[in-house]
N, C-alpha and C. Protein backbone atom coordinates (compact mmCIF):
# COMPACT_ATOMS: atom_id res chain seq x y z
N MET A 1 13.48 -18.52 2.37
CA MET A 1 13.98 -17.34 3.03
C MET A 1 12.86 -16.74 3.89
N ASP A 2 13.15 -16.50 5.14
CA ASP A 2 12.19 -15.90 6.06
C ASP A 2 12.35 -14.38 6.01
N LEU A 3 11.45 -13.73 5.31
CA LEU A 3 11.55 -12.28 5.12
C LEU A 3 11.32 -11.49 6.40
N THR A 4 10.66 -12.08 7.39
CA THR A 4 10.44 -11.35 8.64
C THR A 4 11.76 -11.02 9.34
N GLU A 5 12.80 -11.81 9.06
CA GLU A 5 14.11 -11.54 9.64
C GLU A 5 14.70 -10.21 9.15
N TYR A 6 14.19 -9.72 8.03
CA TYR A 6 14.68 -8.49 7.43
C TYR A 6 13.84 -7.26 7.79
N VAL A 7 12.86 -7.46 8.67
CA VAL A 7 11.98 -6.36 9.08
C VAL A 7 11.94 -6.32 10.61
N PRO A 8 13.03 -5.82 11.22
CA PRO A 8 13.09 -5.80 12.68
C PRO A 8 12.17 -4.73 13.29
N VAL A 9 11.89 -4.90 14.57
CA VAL A 9 11.14 -3.91 15.32
C VAL A 9 12.13 -2.97 15.99
N VAL A 10 11.90 -1.68 15.81
CA VAL A 10 12.70 -0.66 16.48
C VAL A 10 11.83 -0.09 17.60
N PRO A 11 12.17 -0.37 18.86
CA PRO A 11 11.32 0.09 19.96
C PRO A 11 11.38 1.61 20.13
N ASP A 12 10.25 2.14 20.58
CA ASP A 12 10.13 3.55 20.93
C ASP A 12 10.48 4.51 19.78
N PHE A 13 10.11 4.14 18.57
CA PHE A 13 10.28 5.02 17.42
C PHE A 13 8.99 5.09 16.64
N PRO A 14 8.51 6.22 16.25
CA PRO A 14 9.08 7.56 16.41
C PRO A 14 8.76 8.22 17.74
N GLU A 15 8.05 7.50 18.61
CA GLU A 15 7.75 8.03 19.94
C GLU A 15 7.70 6.87 20.92
N PRO A 16 7.81 7.17 22.22
CA PRO A 16 7.81 6.11 23.22
C PRO A 16 6.55 5.23 23.12
N GLY A 17 6.77 3.94 23.24
CA GLY A 17 5.66 2.98 23.22
C GLY A 17 5.35 2.41 21.85
N VAL A 18 5.93 2.99 20.79
CA VAL A 18 5.68 2.49 19.43
C VAL A 18 6.80 1.53 19.04
N GLY A 19 6.42 0.38 18.52
CA GLY A 19 7.37 -0.58 17.97
C GLY A 19 7.34 -0.47 16.46
N PHE A 20 8.28 0.25 15.88
CA PHE A 20 8.31 0.56 14.45
C PHE A 20 8.91 -0.61 13.66
N ARG A 21 8.21 -1.04 12.63
CA ARG A 21 8.71 -2.09 11.73
C ARG A 21 9.59 -1.42 10.68
N ASP A 22 10.88 -1.73 10.71
CA ASP A 22 11.87 -1.10 9.84
C ASP A 22 12.07 -1.96 8.58
N ILE A 23 11.66 -1.41 7.42
CA ILE A 23 11.80 -2.16 6.17
C ILE A 23 13.16 -1.95 5.51
N THR A 24 13.97 -1.02 6.02
CA THR A 24 15.23 -0.71 5.33
C THR A 24 16.20 -1.89 5.25
N PRO A 25 16.29 -2.79 6.24
CA PRO A 25 17.16 -3.95 6.05
C PRO A 25 16.70 -4.84 4.88
N LEU A 26 15.39 -4.94 4.67
CA LEU A 26 14.88 -5.72 3.54
C LEU A 26 15.29 -5.06 2.22
N LEU A 27 15.18 -3.73 2.15
CA LEU A 27 15.56 -3.01 0.94
C LEU A 27 17.06 -3.12 0.67
N ALA A 28 17.85 -3.24 1.73
CA ALA A 28 19.31 -3.30 1.59
C ALA A 28 19.82 -4.70 1.25
N ALA A 29 18.93 -5.68 1.25
CA ALA A 29 19.32 -7.06 0.93
C ALA A 29 18.67 -7.43 -0.41
N PRO A 30 19.41 -7.29 -1.52
CA PRO A 30 18.81 -7.50 -2.84
C PRO A 30 18.04 -8.80 -3.01
N ASP A 31 18.56 -9.90 -2.49
CA ASP A 31 17.86 -11.18 -2.64
C ASP A 31 16.54 -11.19 -1.87
N ALA A 32 16.54 -10.61 -0.69
CA ALA A 32 15.31 -10.55 0.11
C ALA A 32 14.30 -9.61 -0.53
N PHE A 33 14.76 -8.45 -1.00
CA PHE A 33 13.85 -7.51 -1.64
C PHE A 33 13.23 -8.14 -2.89
N ARG A 34 14.06 -8.77 -3.71
CA ARG A 34 13.55 -9.44 -4.92
C ARG A 34 12.55 -10.53 -4.54
N ALA A 35 12.85 -11.28 -3.50
CA ALA A 35 11.92 -12.33 -3.05
C ALA A 35 10.59 -11.72 -2.60
N SER A 36 10.64 -10.55 -1.95
CA SER A 36 9.38 -9.93 -1.51
C SER A 36 8.53 -9.51 -2.71
N ILE A 37 9.17 -9.02 -3.75
CA ILE A 37 8.44 -8.63 -4.97
C ILE A 37 7.88 -9.87 -5.65
N ASP A 38 8.71 -10.93 -5.75
CA ASP A 38 8.25 -12.19 -6.35
C ASP A 38 7.02 -12.72 -5.62
N ARG A 39 7.09 -12.74 -4.31
CA ARG A 39 6.00 -13.29 -3.50
C ARG A 39 4.75 -12.42 -3.56
N LEU A 40 4.94 -11.12 -3.60
CA LEU A 40 3.78 -10.23 -3.73
C LEU A 40 3.11 -10.46 -5.08
N GLN A 41 3.90 -10.56 -6.13
CA GLN A 41 3.34 -10.81 -7.46
C GLN A 41 2.52 -12.10 -7.48
N GLU A 42 3.05 -13.15 -6.89
CA GLU A 42 2.33 -14.43 -6.82
C GLU A 42 1.05 -14.29 -5.99
N ALA A 43 1.12 -13.57 -4.88
CA ALA A 43 -0.03 -13.46 -3.98
C ALA A 43 -1.19 -12.69 -4.59
N VAL A 44 -0.90 -11.70 -5.44
CA VAL A 44 -1.99 -10.89 -5.99
C VAL A 44 -2.53 -11.45 -7.31
N GLU A 45 -1.92 -12.50 -7.83
CA GLU A 45 -2.42 -13.11 -9.07
C GLU A 45 -3.86 -13.59 -8.94
N ALA A 46 -4.30 -13.88 -7.74
CA ALA A 46 -5.67 -14.35 -7.51
C ALA A 46 -6.71 -13.24 -7.67
N TYR A 47 -6.25 -11.99 -7.78
CA TYR A 47 -7.16 -10.84 -7.86
C TYR A 47 -6.87 -10.06 -9.15
N PRO A 48 -7.58 -10.36 -10.22
CA PRO A 48 -7.31 -9.66 -11.49
C PRO A 48 -7.43 -8.15 -11.34
N TYR A 49 -6.50 -7.42 -11.93
CA TYR A 49 -6.49 -5.97 -11.84
C TYR A 49 -5.98 -5.36 -13.14
N ASP A 50 -6.41 -4.12 -13.38
CA ASP A 50 -6.04 -3.38 -14.58
C ASP A 50 -4.89 -2.41 -14.34
N SER A 51 -4.77 -1.93 -13.11
CA SER A 51 -3.72 -0.97 -12.77
C SER A 51 -3.37 -1.12 -11.29
N ILE A 52 -2.27 -0.46 -10.93
CA ILE A 52 -1.77 -0.53 -9.55
C ILE A 52 -1.68 0.90 -9.01
N ALA A 53 -2.37 1.16 -7.92
CA ALA A 53 -2.27 2.46 -7.24
C ALA A 53 -1.41 2.26 -6.00
N ALA A 54 -0.39 3.10 -5.88
CA ALA A 54 0.56 2.94 -4.78
C ALA A 54 0.65 4.21 -3.96
N PHE A 55 0.90 4.02 -2.67
CA PHE A 55 0.98 5.13 -1.73
C PHE A 55 2.39 5.69 -1.63
N ASP A 56 2.45 7.00 -1.61
CA ASP A 56 3.66 7.77 -1.46
C ASP A 56 4.21 7.55 -0.04
N ALA A 57 5.40 7.19 0.14
CA ALA A 57 6.40 6.88 -0.85
C ALA A 57 6.78 5.39 -0.78
N ARG A 58 6.58 4.77 0.36
CA ARG A 58 7.07 3.40 0.49
C ARG A 58 6.27 2.39 -0.31
N GLY A 59 5.01 2.66 -0.59
CA GLY A 59 4.24 1.76 -1.45
C GLY A 59 4.81 1.69 -2.85
N PHE A 60 5.47 2.80 -3.28
CA PHE A 60 6.08 2.82 -4.61
C PHE A 60 7.16 1.75 -4.74
N LEU A 61 7.83 1.43 -3.63
CA LEU A 61 8.95 0.49 -3.68
C LEU A 61 8.54 -0.89 -4.17
N TRP A 62 7.32 -1.31 -3.84
CA TRP A 62 6.83 -2.62 -4.29
C TRP A 62 5.97 -2.49 -5.54
N ALA A 63 5.24 -1.42 -5.64
CA ALA A 63 4.32 -1.26 -6.77
C ALA A 63 5.05 -1.01 -8.08
N ALA A 64 6.11 -0.24 -8.08
CA ALA A 64 6.81 0.07 -9.33
C ALA A 64 7.39 -1.18 -9.98
N PRO A 65 8.12 -2.03 -9.25
CA PRO A 65 8.61 -3.25 -9.91
C PRO A 65 7.47 -4.18 -10.33
N LEU A 66 6.40 -4.21 -9.54
CA LEU A 66 5.25 -5.05 -9.88
C LEU A 66 4.59 -4.54 -11.17
N ALA A 67 4.44 -3.23 -11.29
CA ALA A 67 3.87 -2.65 -12.51
C ALA A 67 4.76 -2.95 -13.72
N ASP A 68 6.06 -2.84 -13.52
CA ASP A 68 6.99 -3.13 -14.61
C ASP A 68 6.89 -4.59 -15.05
N ARG A 69 6.88 -5.49 -14.11
CA ARG A 69 6.82 -6.93 -14.42
C ARG A 69 5.52 -7.33 -15.10
N THR A 70 4.42 -6.70 -14.69
CA THR A 70 3.10 -7.11 -15.20
C THR A 70 2.61 -6.27 -16.37
N GLY A 71 3.31 -5.19 -16.67
CA GLY A 71 2.89 -4.31 -17.74
C GLY A 71 1.63 -3.53 -17.42
N LYS A 72 1.37 -3.31 -16.14
CA LYS A 72 0.18 -2.57 -15.69
C LYS A 72 0.56 -1.12 -15.40
N PRO A 73 -0.38 -0.19 -15.62
CA PRO A 73 -0.12 1.21 -15.27
C PRO A 73 0.07 1.38 -13.76
N LEU A 74 0.94 2.30 -13.40
CA LEU A 74 1.20 2.65 -12.01
C LEU A 74 0.58 4.00 -11.73
N LEU A 75 -0.29 4.06 -10.74
CA LEU A 75 -1.03 5.27 -10.39
C LEU A 75 -0.56 5.75 -9.01
N PRO A 76 0.22 6.83 -8.96
CA PRO A 76 0.70 7.30 -7.66
C PRO A 76 -0.38 7.98 -6.83
N ILE A 77 -0.51 7.57 -5.60
CA ILE A 77 -1.33 8.28 -4.61
C ILE A 77 -0.34 9.09 -3.79
N ARG A 78 -0.43 10.42 -3.94
CA ARG A 78 0.56 11.31 -3.34
C ARG A 78 -0.03 12.13 -2.21
N LYS A 79 0.83 12.67 -1.41
CA LYS A 79 0.41 13.63 -0.41
C LYS A 79 -0.09 14.89 -1.12
N ALA A 80 -0.99 15.62 -0.50
CA ALA A 80 -1.63 16.78 -1.12
C ALA A 80 -0.61 17.78 -1.67
N GLY A 81 -0.92 18.30 -2.86
CA GLY A 81 -0.09 19.32 -3.47
C GLY A 81 1.07 18.82 -4.30
N LYS A 82 1.21 17.51 -4.44
CA LYS A 82 2.34 16.95 -5.17
C LYS A 82 2.01 16.56 -6.61
N LEU A 83 0.72 16.50 -6.97
CA LEU A 83 0.34 16.12 -8.32
C LEU A 83 0.07 17.38 -9.14
N PRO A 84 0.53 17.41 -10.41
CA PRO A 84 0.46 18.63 -11.20
C PRO A 84 -0.88 18.92 -11.89
N ARG A 85 -1.74 17.91 -11.98
CA ARG A 85 -3.02 18.12 -12.67
C ARG A 85 -4.18 17.94 -11.70
N GLU A 86 -5.39 18.10 -12.21
CA GLU A 86 -6.59 17.95 -11.38
C GLU A 86 -6.56 16.60 -10.67
N ALA A 87 -6.89 16.61 -9.39
CA ALA A 87 -6.80 15.39 -8.59
C ALA A 87 -8.00 15.24 -7.67
N ALA A 88 -8.36 13.99 -7.43
CA ALA A 88 -9.34 13.66 -6.39
C ALA A 88 -8.58 13.68 -5.07
N VAL A 89 -9.24 14.11 -4.00
CA VAL A 89 -8.59 14.28 -2.70
C VAL A 89 -9.36 13.53 -1.63
N GLU A 90 -8.64 12.90 -0.73
CA GLU A 90 -9.23 12.27 0.46
C GLU A 90 -8.39 12.67 1.67
N THR A 91 -9.05 12.77 2.80
CA THR A 91 -8.38 13.08 4.06
C THR A 91 -8.63 11.94 5.03
N TYR A 92 -7.61 11.60 5.79
CA TYR A 92 -7.77 10.56 6.82
C TYR A 92 -6.92 10.91 8.02
N ARG A 93 -7.23 10.27 9.10
CA ARG A 93 -6.46 10.45 10.33
C ARG A 93 -5.33 9.44 10.35
N GLY A 94 -4.09 9.91 10.21
CA GLY A 94 -2.91 9.05 10.28
C GLY A 94 -2.58 8.72 11.72
N GLU A 95 -1.52 7.98 11.91
CA GLU A 95 -1.12 7.62 13.27
C GLU A 95 -0.77 8.84 14.10
N TYR A 96 -0.25 9.89 13.44
CA TYR A 96 0.25 11.03 14.19
C TYR A 96 -0.39 12.36 13.80
N ALA A 97 -1.12 12.41 12.69
CA ALA A 97 -1.71 13.67 12.23
C ALA A 97 -2.73 13.41 11.13
N GLU A 98 -3.50 14.45 10.79
CA GLU A 98 -4.42 14.36 9.66
C GLU A 98 -3.59 14.40 8.36
N VAL A 99 -3.97 13.58 7.39
CA VAL A 99 -3.23 13.48 6.14
C VAL A 99 -4.21 13.62 4.98
N ARG A 100 -3.79 14.38 3.96
CA ARG A 100 -4.56 14.50 2.71
C ARG A 100 -3.77 13.81 1.61
N VAL A 101 -4.45 12.97 0.85
CA VAL A 101 -3.82 12.28 -0.27
C VAL A 101 -4.61 12.54 -1.54
N GLU A 102 -3.92 12.44 -2.68
CA GLU A 102 -4.52 12.74 -3.97
C GLU A 102 -4.17 11.67 -5.00
N LEU A 103 -5.07 11.55 -5.96
CA LEU A 103 -4.88 10.68 -7.12
C LEU A 103 -5.37 11.47 -8.31
N HIS A 104 -4.60 11.49 -9.40
CA HIS A 104 -5.06 12.24 -10.58
C HIS A 104 -6.48 11.84 -10.94
N ALA A 105 -7.30 12.83 -11.24
CA ALA A 105 -8.72 12.62 -11.53
C ALA A 105 -8.94 11.74 -12.76
N ASP A 106 -7.98 11.72 -13.67
CA ASP A 106 -8.12 10.90 -14.88
C ASP A 106 -7.40 9.56 -14.80
N ALA A 107 -6.90 9.21 -13.62
CA ALA A 107 -6.11 7.98 -13.46
C ALA A 107 -6.94 6.71 -13.54
N VAL A 108 -8.16 6.78 -13.04
CA VAL A 108 -9.03 5.60 -12.97
C VAL A 108 -10.24 5.83 -13.86
N LYS A 109 -10.52 4.86 -14.70
CA LYS A 109 -11.70 4.92 -15.57
C LYS A 109 -12.81 4.07 -14.98
N ASP A 110 -14.05 4.37 -15.36
CA ASP A 110 -15.18 3.58 -14.89
C ASP A 110 -14.93 2.10 -15.13
N GLY A 111 -15.09 1.31 -14.08
CA GLY A 111 -14.94 -0.13 -14.18
C GLY A 111 -13.53 -0.66 -14.03
N ASP A 112 -12.53 0.22 -13.97
CA ASP A 112 -11.15 -0.25 -13.77
C ASP A 112 -11.04 -1.01 -12.45
N ARG A 113 -10.32 -2.12 -12.49
CA ARG A 113 -10.01 -2.87 -11.27
C ARG A 113 -8.61 -2.47 -10.83
N VAL A 114 -8.51 -1.92 -9.64
CA VAL A 114 -7.26 -1.34 -9.17
C VAL A 114 -6.73 -2.12 -7.96
N LEU A 115 -5.46 -2.48 -8.04
CA LEU A 115 -4.76 -3.09 -6.91
C LEU A 115 -4.11 -1.97 -6.12
N LEU A 116 -4.44 -1.86 -4.82
CA LEU A 116 -3.81 -0.86 -3.95
C LEU A 116 -2.60 -1.49 -3.28
N VAL A 117 -1.47 -0.78 -3.28
CA VAL A 117 -0.23 -1.32 -2.71
C VAL A 117 0.41 -0.30 -1.77
N ASP A 118 0.79 -0.78 -0.59
CA ASP A 118 1.54 0.02 0.37
C ASP A 118 2.54 -0.90 1.07
N ASP A 119 3.41 -0.33 1.87
CA ASP A 119 4.37 -1.17 2.58
C ASP A 119 3.75 -1.85 3.79
N VAL A 120 2.90 -1.11 4.52
CA VAL A 120 2.33 -1.62 5.77
C VAL A 120 0.86 -1.24 5.86
N ILE A 121 0.05 -2.16 6.34
CA ILE A 121 -1.31 -1.82 6.76
C ILE A 121 -1.24 -1.72 8.28
N ALA A 122 -1.35 -0.50 8.77
CA ALA A 122 -1.30 -0.25 10.21
C ALA A 122 -2.73 -0.03 10.72
N THR A 123 -3.15 1.22 10.79
CA THR A 123 -4.52 1.49 11.24
C THR A 123 -5.55 1.23 10.14
N GLY A 124 -5.08 1.12 8.90
CA GLY A 124 -5.97 0.91 7.76
C GLY A 124 -6.55 2.19 7.19
N GLU A 125 -6.28 3.31 7.84
CA GLU A 125 -6.86 4.58 7.41
C GLU A 125 -6.35 5.01 6.03
N SER A 126 -5.05 4.88 5.78
CA SER A 126 -4.54 5.30 4.47
C SER A 126 -5.08 4.41 3.37
N MET A 127 -5.11 3.11 3.60
CA MET A 127 -5.64 2.18 2.60
C MET A 127 -7.13 2.46 2.36
N ALA A 128 -7.88 2.77 3.41
CA ALA A 128 -9.30 3.09 3.26
C ALA A 128 -9.47 4.38 2.45
N ALA A 129 -8.56 5.34 2.63
CA ALA A 129 -8.61 6.56 1.81
C ALA A 129 -8.34 6.22 0.35
N GLY A 130 -7.42 5.29 0.10
CA GLY A 130 -7.16 4.84 -1.26
C GLY A 130 -8.39 4.18 -1.88
N VAL A 131 -9.09 3.39 -1.10
CA VAL A 131 -10.33 2.75 -1.56
C VAL A 131 -11.33 3.84 -1.97
N ARG A 132 -11.48 4.86 -1.13
CA ARG A 132 -12.42 5.94 -1.44
C ARG A 132 -12.02 6.69 -2.70
N LEU A 133 -10.72 6.91 -2.89
CA LEU A 133 -10.25 7.59 -4.10
C LEU A 133 -10.60 6.78 -5.35
N VAL A 134 -10.25 5.50 -5.34
CA VAL A 134 -10.50 4.63 -6.50
C VAL A 134 -11.99 4.55 -6.80
N GLU A 135 -12.78 4.29 -5.78
CA GLU A 135 -14.22 4.15 -6.00
C GLU A 135 -14.87 5.47 -6.38
N GLY A 136 -14.37 6.56 -5.84
CA GLY A 136 -14.89 7.88 -6.18
C GLY A 136 -14.66 8.24 -7.63
N LEU A 137 -13.64 7.65 -8.24
CA LEU A 137 -13.34 7.89 -9.65
C LEU A 137 -13.98 6.84 -10.56
N GLY A 138 -14.78 5.94 -9.98
CA GLY A 138 -15.51 4.97 -10.79
C GLY A 138 -14.88 3.59 -10.90
N GLY A 139 -13.77 3.38 -10.21
CA GLY A 139 -13.12 2.08 -10.26
C GLY A 139 -13.58 1.17 -9.14
N THR A 140 -13.07 -0.05 -9.17
CA THR A 140 -13.29 -1.00 -8.08
C THR A 140 -11.93 -1.44 -7.55
N VAL A 141 -11.90 -1.81 -6.30
CA VAL A 141 -10.65 -2.25 -5.68
C VAL A 141 -10.56 -3.76 -5.81
N ALA A 142 -9.54 -4.21 -6.54
CA ALA A 142 -9.32 -5.64 -6.72
C ALA A 142 -8.83 -6.26 -5.41
N ALA A 143 -7.90 -5.59 -4.74
CA ALA A 143 -7.36 -6.05 -3.46
C ALA A 143 -6.52 -4.94 -2.85
N CYS A 144 -6.30 -5.05 -1.55
CA CYS A 144 -5.42 -4.16 -0.80
C CYS A 144 -4.21 -4.99 -0.42
N ALA A 145 -3.03 -4.61 -0.91
CA ALA A 145 -1.83 -5.42 -0.69
C ALA A 145 -0.76 -4.63 0.02
N ALA A 146 -0.04 -5.31 0.90
CA ALA A 146 1.06 -4.69 1.64
C ALA A 146 2.10 -5.74 2.00
N LEU A 147 3.28 -5.29 2.28
CA LEU A 147 4.34 -6.18 2.74
C LEU A 147 3.93 -6.84 4.05
N LEU A 148 3.40 -6.03 4.97
CA LEU A 148 3.01 -6.59 6.26
C LEU A 148 1.84 -5.82 6.86
N GLU A 149 1.27 -6.42 7.86
CA GLU A 149 0.12 -5.86 8.56
C GLU A 149 0.44 -5.88 10.05
N ILE A 150 0.14 -4.78 10.72
CA ILE A 150 0.36 -4.71 12.16
C ILE A 150 -0.96 -5.05 12.84
N ALA A 151 -1.05 -6.27 13.33
CA ALA A 151 -2.31 -6.82 13.84
C ALA A 151 -2.87 -6.00 15.00
N SER A 152 -2.02 -5.51 15.87
CA SER A 152 -2.51 -4.81 17.07
C SER A 152 -3.24 -3.51 16.74
N LEU A 153 -3.09 -2.99 15.54
CA LEU A 153 -3.74 -1.73 15.16
C LEU A 153 -5.06 -1.95 14.42
N SER A 154 -5.41 -3.19 14.15
CA SER A 154 -6.72 -3.57 13.60
C SER A 154 -7.08 -2.88 12.28
N GLY A 155 -6.11 -2.62 11.45
CA GLY A 155 -6.37 -1.98 10.17
C GLY A 155 -7.30 -2.76 9.27
N ARG A 156 -7.25 -4.06 9.39
CA ARG A 156 -8.11 -4.95 8.59
C ARG A 156 -9.59 -4.61 8.81
N ASP A 157 -9.94 -4.19 10.02
CA ASP A 157 -11.34 -3.88 10.33
C ASP A 157 -11.87 -2.73 9.48
N ARG A 158 -11.00 -1.78 9.11
CA ARG A 158 -11.41 -0.64 8.29
C ARG A 158 -11.53 -1.00 6.82
N LEU A 159 -11.11 -2.20 6.47
CA LEU A 159 -11.12 -2.64 5.08
C LEU A 159 -12.05 -3.83 4.88
N ASP A 160 -13.03 -3.95 5.76
CA ASP A 160 -13.97 -5.06 5.71
C ASP A 160 -14.64 -5.12 4.34
N GLY A 161 -14.65 -6.31 3.75
CA GLY A 161 -15.28 -6.51 2.45
C GLY A 161 -14.30 -6.43 1.29
N TYR A 162 -13.07 -6.03 1.54
CA TYR A 162 -12.05 -5.97 0.49
C TYR A 162 -11.02 -7.06 0.72
N PRO A 163 -10.57 -7.72 -0.34
CA PRO A 163 -9.50 -8.71 -0.15
C PRO A 163 -8.23 -8.02 0.33
N ILE A 164 -7.58 -8.64 1.29
CA ILE A 164 -6.34 -8.10 1.83
C ILE A 164 -5.23 -9.12 1.64
N VAL A 165 -4.14 -8.65 1.05
CA VAL A 165 -2.94 -9.47 0.89
C VAL A 165 -1.87 -8.87 1.77
N SER A 166 -1.45 -9.60 2.77
CA SER A 166 -0.38 -9.17 3.66
C SER A 166 0.73 -10.20 3.52
N LEU A 167 1.76 -9.82 2.78
CA LEU A 167 2.80 -10.76 2.39
C LEU A 167 3.45 -11.45 3.59
N LEU A 168 3.76 -10.70 4.63
CA LEU A 168 4.39 -11.29 5.81
C LEU A 168 3.38 -11.59 6.90
N GLY A 169 2.11 -11.44 6.60
CA GLY A 169 1.07 -11.72 7.58
C GLY A 169 0.94 -10.62 8.60
N LYS A 170 0.27 -10.95 9.66
CA LYS A 170 0.03 -10.00 10.75
C LYS A 170 1.17 -10.11 11.76
N LEU A 171 1.90 -9.03 11.91
CA LEU A 171 3.02 -9.02 12.85
C LEU A 171 2.70 -8.13 14.04
């Protein structure tokens, strides 16, 4: 099954000149969505990890089933103000605005190997903020994983030195 067929480009969304990769057809096709989770699970087996940190909200879609299947803890990385307890905070420049993200301060223990999961690696800024959160709490990043990577935005360059798993490759 070619999963790229389920992730069409929507031109000029959310603004003129942007080619948005729409994951909703993949989510609406149970066999394709299940296949994407299966393939992601296989792809990250090469990088041992203790827990999975996922980005709000689309990263949760792949990380939650992966955490369930592997019996690993799921650590939500949320937008600022959404976590109820003390949290580590990072700020990054998103595609359209400055973004603050948080991870509970007690989520990562010294030496924990954390798999970071999101739907897309675009500019790499959000994933790099996740790296800073994990490392700032004493953990190490096992790998940065996403459904797909947008090659033209060079996000991989911001993650130099970290293993990157891009399930559908660079689109």
